[in-house]
Amino acid sequence: MKTIKSLALVLFITLFTGVSYANDFNEISYEVKTSQELPSLIQKMVKEDFVRLNNYFHLNNIDKLRADVTFEFYISKDDHLHIVSVESKDFEATDYVKQLLDNTKVPVADTVTNKKYKLVLKLDYRS
């Protein structure tokens, strides 16, 4: 009986350690560690949104959009992206960037937060 309890305790500790490690591993693997990684993360977010069924374009009956969008943003300490300004010749492109990215949670390292960034996105959407 004592060995069964001891074995159960060892199994529990091993399982708990494995789950704890797995959670830490997932958080680290998706975290943006430098400001140079931000553009690729934002491009990935846009590409993923392009294929969603109920994205901005679908909801607003937009079949295609090709535009360059320049926007300034910062990421707060609580990992939320906040847009400061958006510029484009196409108002639908500015609205799209605002609705997709403003106040979006982005996992970043502390070295990336509370700094202003400027990025140019080349949008090319076709349904």
N, C-alpha and C. Protein backbone atom coordinates (compact mmCIF):
# COMPACT_ATOMS: atom_id res chain seq x y z
N MET A 1 0.83 -1.20 0.00
CA MET A 1 0.00 0.00 0.00
C MET A 1 0.87 1.26 0.00
N LYS A 2 1.93 1.22 0.79
CA LYS A 2 2.83 2.37 0.87
C LYS A 2 3.53 2.60 -0.47
N THR A 3 3.93 1.53 -1.14
CA THR A 3 4.58 1.67 -2.44
C THR A 3 3.62 2.19 -3.51
N ILE A 4 2.36 1.83 -3.41
CA ILE A 4 1.37 2.33 -4.37
C ILE A 4 1.19 3.83 -4.20
N LYS A 5 1.12 4.30 -2.95
CA LYS A 5 0.99 5.73 -2.69
C LYS A 5 2.24 6.47 -3.17
N SER A 6 3.40 5.89 -2.91
CA SER A 6 4.66 6.51 -3.34
C SER A 6 4.72 6.57 -4.86
N LEU A 7 4.34 5.49 -5.52
CA LEU A 7 4.33 5.45 -6.97
C LEU A 7 3.34 6.47 -7.54
N ALA A 8 2.16 6.58 -6.93
CA ALA A 8 1.16 7.55 -7.36
C ALA A 8 1.68 8.97 -7.21
N LEU A 9 2.38 9.23 -6.10
CA LEU A 9 2.94 10.56 -5.85
C LEU A 9 3.99 10.90 -6.89
N VAL A 10 4.88 9.97 -7.19
CA VAL A 10 5.92 10.19 -8.20
C VAL A 10 5.28 10.42 -9.57
N LEU A 11 4.27 9.64 -9.91
CA LEU A 11 3.57 9.79 -11.18
C LEU A 11 2.90 11.16 -11.27
N PHE A 12 2.26 11.59 -10.20
CA PHE A 12 1.60 12.90 -10.15
C PHE A 12 2.61 14.03 -10.35
N ILE A 13 3.73 13.96 -9.66
CA ILE A 13 4.76 15.01 -9.77
C ILE A 13 5.32 15.03 -11.19
N THR A 14 5.57 13.87 -11.77
CA THR A 14 6.09 13.81 -13.14
C THR A 14 5.09 14.39 -14.13
N LEU A 15 3.84 14.03 -13.98
CA LEU A 15 2.79 14.54 -14.87
C LEU A 15 2.65 16.05 -14.73
N PHE A 16 2.63 16.55 -13.51
CA PHE A 16 2.51 17.99 -13.26
C PHE A 16 3.69 18.75 -13.87
N THR A 17 4.89 18.21 -13.72
CA THR A 17 6.08 18.85 -14.28
C THR A 17 6.00 18.88 -15.80
N GLY A 18 5.55 17.80 -16.41
CA GLY A 18 5.42 17.74 -17.86
C GLY A 18 4.42 18.73 -18.39
N VAL A 19 3.27 18.85 -17.74
CA VAL A 19 2.25 19.81 -18.15
C VAL A 19 2.75 21.23 -17.97
N SER A 20 3.41 21.49 -16.88
CA SER A 20 3.97 22.82 -16.62
C SER A 20 5.00 23.19 -17.67
N TYR A 21 5.87 22.27 -18.02
CA TYR A 21 6.88 22.52 -19.04
C TYR A 21 6.22 22.78 -20.39
N ALA A 22 5.22 22.01 -20.73
CA ALA A 22 4.54 22.18 -22.02
C ALA A 22 3.90 23.55 -22.12
N ASN A 23 3.29 24.04 -21.04
CA ASN A 23 2.70 25.37 -21.06
C ASN A 23 3.75 26.44 -21.27
N ASP A 24 4.87 26.34 -20.58
CA ASP A 24 5.95 27.31 -20.74
C ASP A 24 6.50 27.27 -22.15
N PHE A 25 6.65 26.08 -22.71
CA PHE A 25 7.20 25.93 -24.05
C PHE A 25 6.30 26.62 -25.08
N ASN A 26 4.99 26.44 -24.98
CA ASN A 26 4.07 27.07 -25.93
C ASN A 26 4.11 28.58 -25.83
N GLU A 27 4.17 29.12 -24.65
CA GLU A 27 4.20 30.57 -24.49
C GLU A 27 5.47 31.16 -25.10
N ILE A 28 6.58 30.53 -24.88
CA ILE A 28 7.85 31.05 -25.37
C ILE A 28 7.94 30.96 -26.89
N SER A 29 7.43 29.89 -27.47
CA SER A 29 7.59 29.69 -28.90
C SER A 29 6.83 30.71 -29.74
N TYR A 30 5.79 31.34 -29.20
CA TYR A 30 5.02 32.30 -29.97
C TYR A 30 5.31 33.74 -29.59
N GLU A 31 6.17 33.97 -28.66
CA GLU A 31 6.44 35.32 -28.20
C GLU A 31 7.40 36.05 -29.13
N VAL A 32 7.06 37.29 -29.45
CA VAL A 32 7.95 38.13 -30.24
C VAL A 32 9.00 38.68 -29.29
N LYS A 33 10.26 38.41 -29.60
CA LYS A 33 11.34 38.80 -28.70
C LYS A 33 12.03 40.08 -29.11
N THR A 34 11.97 40.42 -30.40
CA THR A 34 12.63 41.64 -30.88
C THR A 34 11.68 42.41 -31.79
N SER A 35 11.96 43.68 -31.96
CA SER A 35 11.12 44.51 -32.81
C SER A 35 11.22 44.09 -34.28
N GLN A 36 12.31 43.43 -34.66
CA GLN A 36 12.46 42.97 -36.04
C GLN A 36 11.47 41.85 -36.38
N GLU A 37 10.94 41.17 -35.38
CA GLU A 37 9.98 40.09 -35.60
C GLU A 37 8.54 40.60 -35.74
N LEU A 38 8.30 41.84 -35.37
CA LEU A 38 6.93 42.38 -35.41
C LEU A 38 6.32 42.40 -36.81
N PRO A 39 7.04 42.86 -37.85
CA PRO A 39 6.40 42.87 -39.18
C PRO A 39 5.95 41.50 -39.64
N SER A 40 6.74 40.48 -39.42
CA SER A 40 6.33 39.15 -39.87
C SER A 40 5.13 38.64 -39.08
N LEU A 41 5.05 38.97 -37.80
CA LEU A 41 3.89 38.57 -37.00
C LEU A 41 2.63 39.26 -37.51
N ILE A 42 2.72 40.54 -37.80
CA ILE A 42 1.56 41.28 -38.29
C ILE A 42 1.14 40.79 -39.68
N GLN A 43 2.11 40.50 -40.53
CA GLN A 43 1.79 39.94 -41.85
C GLN A 43 1.09 38.59 -41.70
N LYS A 44 1.53 37.79 -40.75
CA LYS A 44 0.89 36.50 -40.51
C LYS A 44 -0.55 36.69 -40.04
N MET A 45 -0.78 37.68 -39.18
CA MET A 45 -2.13 37.96 -38.70
C MET A 45 -3.04 38.36 -39.87
N VAL A 46 -2.52 39.17 -40.78
CA VAL A 46 -3.31 39.61 -41.94
C VAL A 46 -3.61 38.43 -42.85
N LYS A 47 -2.60 37.62 -43.14
CA LYS A 47 -2.80 36.46 -44.02
C LYS A 47 -3.83 35.49 -43.43
N GLU A 48 -3.77 35.27 -42.13
CA GLU A 48 -4.74 34.39 -41.49
C GLU A 48 -6.14 34.97 -41.55
N ASP A 49 -6.24 36.29 -41.45
CA ASP A 49 -7.56 36.92 -41.51
C ASP A 49 -8.12 36.87 -42.93
N PHE A 50 -7.27 36.97 -43.93
CA PHE A 50 -7.72 36.92 -45.33
C PHE A 50 -8.52 35.65 -45.61
N VAL A 51 -8.16 34.54 -45.01
CA VAL A 51 -8.83 33.27 -45.32
C VAL A 51 -10.02 32.98 -44.40
N ARG A 52 -10.22 33.80 -43.37
CA ARG A 52 -11.39 33.62 -42.51
C ARG A 52 -12.67 33.92 -43.30
N LEU A 53 -13.72 33.17 -43.03
CA LEU A 53 -14.97 33.36 -43.77
C LEU A 53 -15.65 34.69 -43.46
N ASN A 54 -15.71 35.08 -42.23
CA ASN A 54 -16.41 36.31 -41.86
C ASN A 54 -15.43 37.45 -41.56
N ASN A 55 -14.49 37.65 -42.46
CA ASN A 55 -13.55 38.75 -42.26
C ASN A 55 -14.18 40.08 -42.69
N TYR A 56 -13.45 41.15 -42.49
CA TYR A 56 -13.92 42.50 -42.81
C TYR A 56 -14.40 42.59 -44.25
N PHE A 57 -13.65 42.02 -45.18
CA PHE A 57 -13.98 42.13 -46.60
C PHE A 57 -15.29 41.41 -46.92
N HIS A 58 -15.43 40.23 -46.39
CA HIS A 58 -16.66 39.47 -46.63
C HIS A 58 -17.88 40.19 -46.04
N LEU A 59 -17.74 40.68 -44.83
CA LEU A 59 -18.86 41.36 -44.17
C LEU A 59 -19.24 42.66 -44.86
N ASN A 60 -18.29 43.29 -45.57
CA ASN A 60 -18.55 44.56 -46.25
C ASN A 60 -18.65 44.41 -47.77
N ASN A 61 -18.84 43.17 -48.24
CA ASN A 61 -19.01 42.88 -49.66
C ASN A 61 -17.88 43.45 -50.53
N ILE A 62 -16.66 43.25 -50.11
CA ILE A 62 -15.49 43.71 -50.86
C ILE A 62 -14.84 42.47 -51.49
N ASP A 63 -14.78 42.45 -52.83
CA ASP A 63 -14.22 41.30 -53.53
C ASP A 63 -12.70 41.35 -53.64
N LYS A 64 -12.18 42.55 -53.80
CA LYS A 64 -10.73 42.69 -53.89
C LYS A 64 -10.30 44.05 -53.39
N LEU A 65 -9.08 44.07 -52.89
CA LEU A 65 -8.51 45.31 -52.38
C LEU A 65 -7.00 45.23 -52.54
N ARG A 66 -6.45 46.26 -53.13
CA ARG A 66 -5.00 46.35 -53.27
C ARG A 66 -4.61 47.75 -52.81
N ALA A 67 -3.85 47.81 -51.72
CA ALA A 67 -3.50 49.11 -51.16
C ALA A 67 -2.28 48.99 -50.26
N ASP A 68 -1.57 50.10 -50.16
CA ASP A 68 -0.49 50.21 -49.18
C ASP A 68 -1.02 50.99 -47.99
N VAL A 69 -0.76 50.48 -46.80
CA VAL A 69 -1.23 51.12 -45.58
C VAL A 69 -0.03 51.37 -44.68
N THR A 70 0.15 52.62 -44.30
CA THR A 70 1.21 52.98 -43.35
C THR A 70 0.53 53.24 -42.02
N PHE A 71 1.01 52.59 -40.98
CA PHE A 71 0.41 52.84 -39.68
C PHE A 71 1.47 52.84 -38.58
N GLU A 72 1.17 53.64 -37.56
CA GLU A 72 2.02 53.72 -36.38
C GLU A 72 1.28 53.07 -35.23
N PHE A 73 2.03 52.37 -34.37
CA PHE A 73 1.41 51.66 -33.27
C PHE A 73 2.41 51.48 -32.14
N TYR A 74 1.91 51.09 -31.01
CA TYR A 74 2.74 50.66 -29.90
C TYR A 74 2.07 49.48 -29.23
N ILE A 75 2.83 48.74 -28.46
CA ILE A 75 2.29 47.60 -27.73
C ILE A 75 2.43 47.89 -26.24
N SER A 76 1.32 47.86 -25.54
CA SER A 76 1.31 48.19 -24.12
C SER A 76 1.89 47.06 -23.28
N LYS A 77 2.10 47.35 -22.01
CA LYS A 77 2.66 46.35 -21.09
C LYS A 77 1.77 45.11 -20.97
N ASP A 78 0.46 45.27 -21.21
CA ASP A 78 -0.44 44.12 -21.13
C ASP A 78 -0.57 43.41 -22.49
N ASP A 79 0.40 43.65 -23.38
CA ASP A 79 0.51 42.96 -24.68
C ASP A 79 -0.62 43.26 -25.65
N HIS A 80 -1.18 44.44 -25.60
CA HIS A 80 -2.20 44.84 -26.56
C HIS A 80 -1.61 45.85 -27.54
N LEU A 81 -1.86 45.61 -28.82
CA LEU A 81 -1.39 46.51 -29.86
C LEU A 81 -2.39 47.68 -29.95
N HIS A 82 -1.88 48.89 -29.94
CA HIS A 82 -2.72 50.09 -30.03
C HIS A 82 -2.26 50.92 -31.22
N ILE A 83 -3.19 51.20 -32.12
CA ILE A 83 -2.86 51.98 -33.31
C ILE A 83 -2.91 53.46 -32.98
N VAL A 84 -1.86 54.16 -33.39
CA VAL A 84 -1.78 55.60 -33.18
C VAL A 84 -2.32 56.33 -34.41
N SER A 85 -1.89 55.90 -35.60
CA SER A 85 -2.37 56.53 -36.83
C SER A 85 -2.33 55.52 -37.98
N VAL A 86 -3.21 55.75 -38.97
CA VAL A 86 -3.27 54.89 -40.16
C VAL A 86 -3.44 55.79 -41.37
N GLU A 87 -2.63 55.54 -42.41
CA GLU A 87 -2.73 56.33 -43.63
C GLU A 87 -2.75 55.40 -44.85
N SER A 88 -3.66 55.72 -45.77
CA SER A 88 -3.74 55.00 -47.03
C SER A 88 -4.61 55.81 -47.99
N LYS A 89 -4.43 55.57 -49.27
CA LYS A 89 -5.28 56.23 -50.25
C LYS A 89 -6.67 55.60 -50.29
N ASP A 90 -6.79 54.40 -49.74
CA ASP A 90 -8.04 53.66 -49.75
C ASP A 90 -8.62 53.62 -48.34
N PHE A 91 -9.78 54.22 -48.14
CA PHE A 91 -10.37 54.28 -46.80
C PHE A 91 -10.74 52.90 -46.28
N GLU A 92 -11.09 51.97 -47.18
CA GLU A 92 -11.42 50.61 -46.74
C GLU A 92 -10.19 49.91 -46.16
N ALA A 93 -9.03 50.21 -46.72
CA ALA A 93 -7.79 49.62 -46.21
C ALA A 93 -7.48 50.15 -44.82
N THR A 94 -7.70 51.44 -44.59
CA THR A 94 -7.45 51.99 -43.25
C THR A 94 -8.43 51.42 -42.24
N ASP A 95 -9.69 51.30 -42.63
CA ASP A 95 -10.68 50.70 -41.73
C ASP A 95 -10.34 49.25 -41.41
N TYR A 96 -9.90 48.53 -42.41
CA TYR A 96 -9.55 47.12 -42.22
C TYR A 96 -8.41 46.98 -41.20
N VAL A 97 -7.36 47.75 -41.36
CA VAL A 97 -6.22 47.66 -40.45
C VAL A 97 -6.64 48.04 -39.03
N LYS A 98 -7.46 49.07 -38.91
CA LYS A 98 -7.92 49.47 -37.58
C LYS A 98 -8.72 48.36 -36.91
N GLN A 99 -9.69 47.80 -37.62
CA GLN A 99 -10.55 46.79 -36.99
C GLN A 99 -9.81 45.50 -36.72
N LEU A 100 -8.83 45.16 -37.54
CA LEU A 100 -8.09 43.91 -37.33
C LEU A 100 -7.07 44.02 -36.21
N LEU A 101 -6.33 45.11 -36.17
CA LEU A 101 -5.17 45.17 -35.29
C LEU A 101 -5.37 45.98 -34.01
N ASP A 102 -6.21 46.99 -34.02
CA ASP A 102 -6.31 47.84 -32.83
C ASP A 102 -6.83 47.06 -31.63
N ASN A 103 -6.12 47.15 -30.56
CA ASN A 103 -6.43 46.51 -29.28
C ASN A 103 -6.36 44.97 -29.35
N THR A 104 -5.57 44.47 -30.29
CA THR A 104 -5.37 43.02 -30.41
C THR A 104 -4.26 42.59 -29.48
N LYS A 105 -4.45 41.45 -28.83
CA LYS A 105 -3.43 40.93 -27.93
C LYS A 105 -2.32 40.29 -28.75
N VAL A 106 -1.09 40.74 -28.49
CA VAL A 106 0.09 40.25 -29.20
C VAL A 106 1.13 39.87 -28.15
N PRO A 107 1.50 38.59 -28.06
CA PRO A 107 2.48 38.18 -27.05
C PRO A 107 3.88 38.66 -27.42
N VAL A 108 4.41 39.58 -26.62
CA VAL A 108 5.74 40.14 -26.89
C VAL A 108 6.57 40.17 -25.62
N ALA A 109 7.86 40.25 -25.81
CA ALA A 109 8.78 40.40 -24.68
C ALA A 109 8.70 41.84 -24.17
N ASP A 110 9.09 42.04 -22.94
CA ASP A 110 9.03 43.39 -22.34
C ASP A 110 9.90 44.40 -23.09
N THR A 111 10.94 43.95 -23.77
CA THR A 111 11.82 44.87 -24.50
C THR A 111 11.13 45.49 -25.71
N VAL A 112 10.01 44.93 -26.13
CA VAL A 112 9.29 45.41 -27.32
C VAL A 112 8.16 46.37 -26.94
N THR A 113 7.73 46.35 -25.70
CA THR A 113 6.57 47.15 -25.29
C THR A 113 6.91 48.63 -25.11
N ASN A 114 5.84 49.44 -25.20
CA ASN A 114 5.88 50.88 -24.96
C ASN A 114 6.88 51.63 -25.84
N LYS A 115 7.02 51.18 -27.07
CA LYS A 115 7.81 51.88 -28.07
C LYS A 115 6.92 52.09 -29.28
N LYS A 116 7.10 53.20 -29.96
CA LYS A 116 6.30 53.49 -31.14
C LYS A 116 6.97 52.86 -32.37
N TYR A 117 6.16 52.18 -33.19
CA TYR A 117 6.64 51.53 -34.40
C TYR A 117 5.86 52.05 -35.60
N LYS A 118 6.51 52.06 -36.75
CA LYS A 118 5.86 52.45 -38.00
C LYS A 118 6.06 51.32 -38.99
N LEU A 119 4.98 50.94 -39.65
CA LEU A 119 5.02 49.79 -40.55
C LEU A 119 4.19 50.08 -41.80
N VAL A 120 4.66 49.59 -42.93
CA VAL A 120 3.90 49.69 -44.18
C VAL A 120 3.43 48.29 -44.55
N LEU A 121 2.12 48.13 -44.67
CA LEU A 121 1.53 46.86 -45.08
C LEU A 121 1.09 46.97 -46.53
N LYS A 122 1.42 45.98 -47.31
CA LYS A 122 0.95 45.91 -48.69
C LYS A 122 -0.18 44.89 -48.71
N LEU A 123 -1.39 45.41 -48.80
CA LEU A 123 -2.57 44.54 -48.80
C LEU A 123 -2.93 44.16 -50.23
N ASP A 124 -3.18 42.88 -50.44
CA ASP A 124 -3.62 42.38 -51.74
C ASP A 124 -4.65 41.29 -51.49
N TYR A 125 -5.90 41.69 -51.34
CA TYR A 125 -6.98 40.76 -51.02
C TYR A 125 -7.80 40.46 -52.26
N ARG A 126 -8.05 39.18 -52.48
CA ARG A 126 -8.95 38.74 -53.55
C ARG A 126 -9.79 37.60 -53.00
N SER A 127 -11.10 37.73 -53.11
CA SER A 127 -11.98 36.67 -52.56
C SER A 127 -12.07 35.48 -53.49
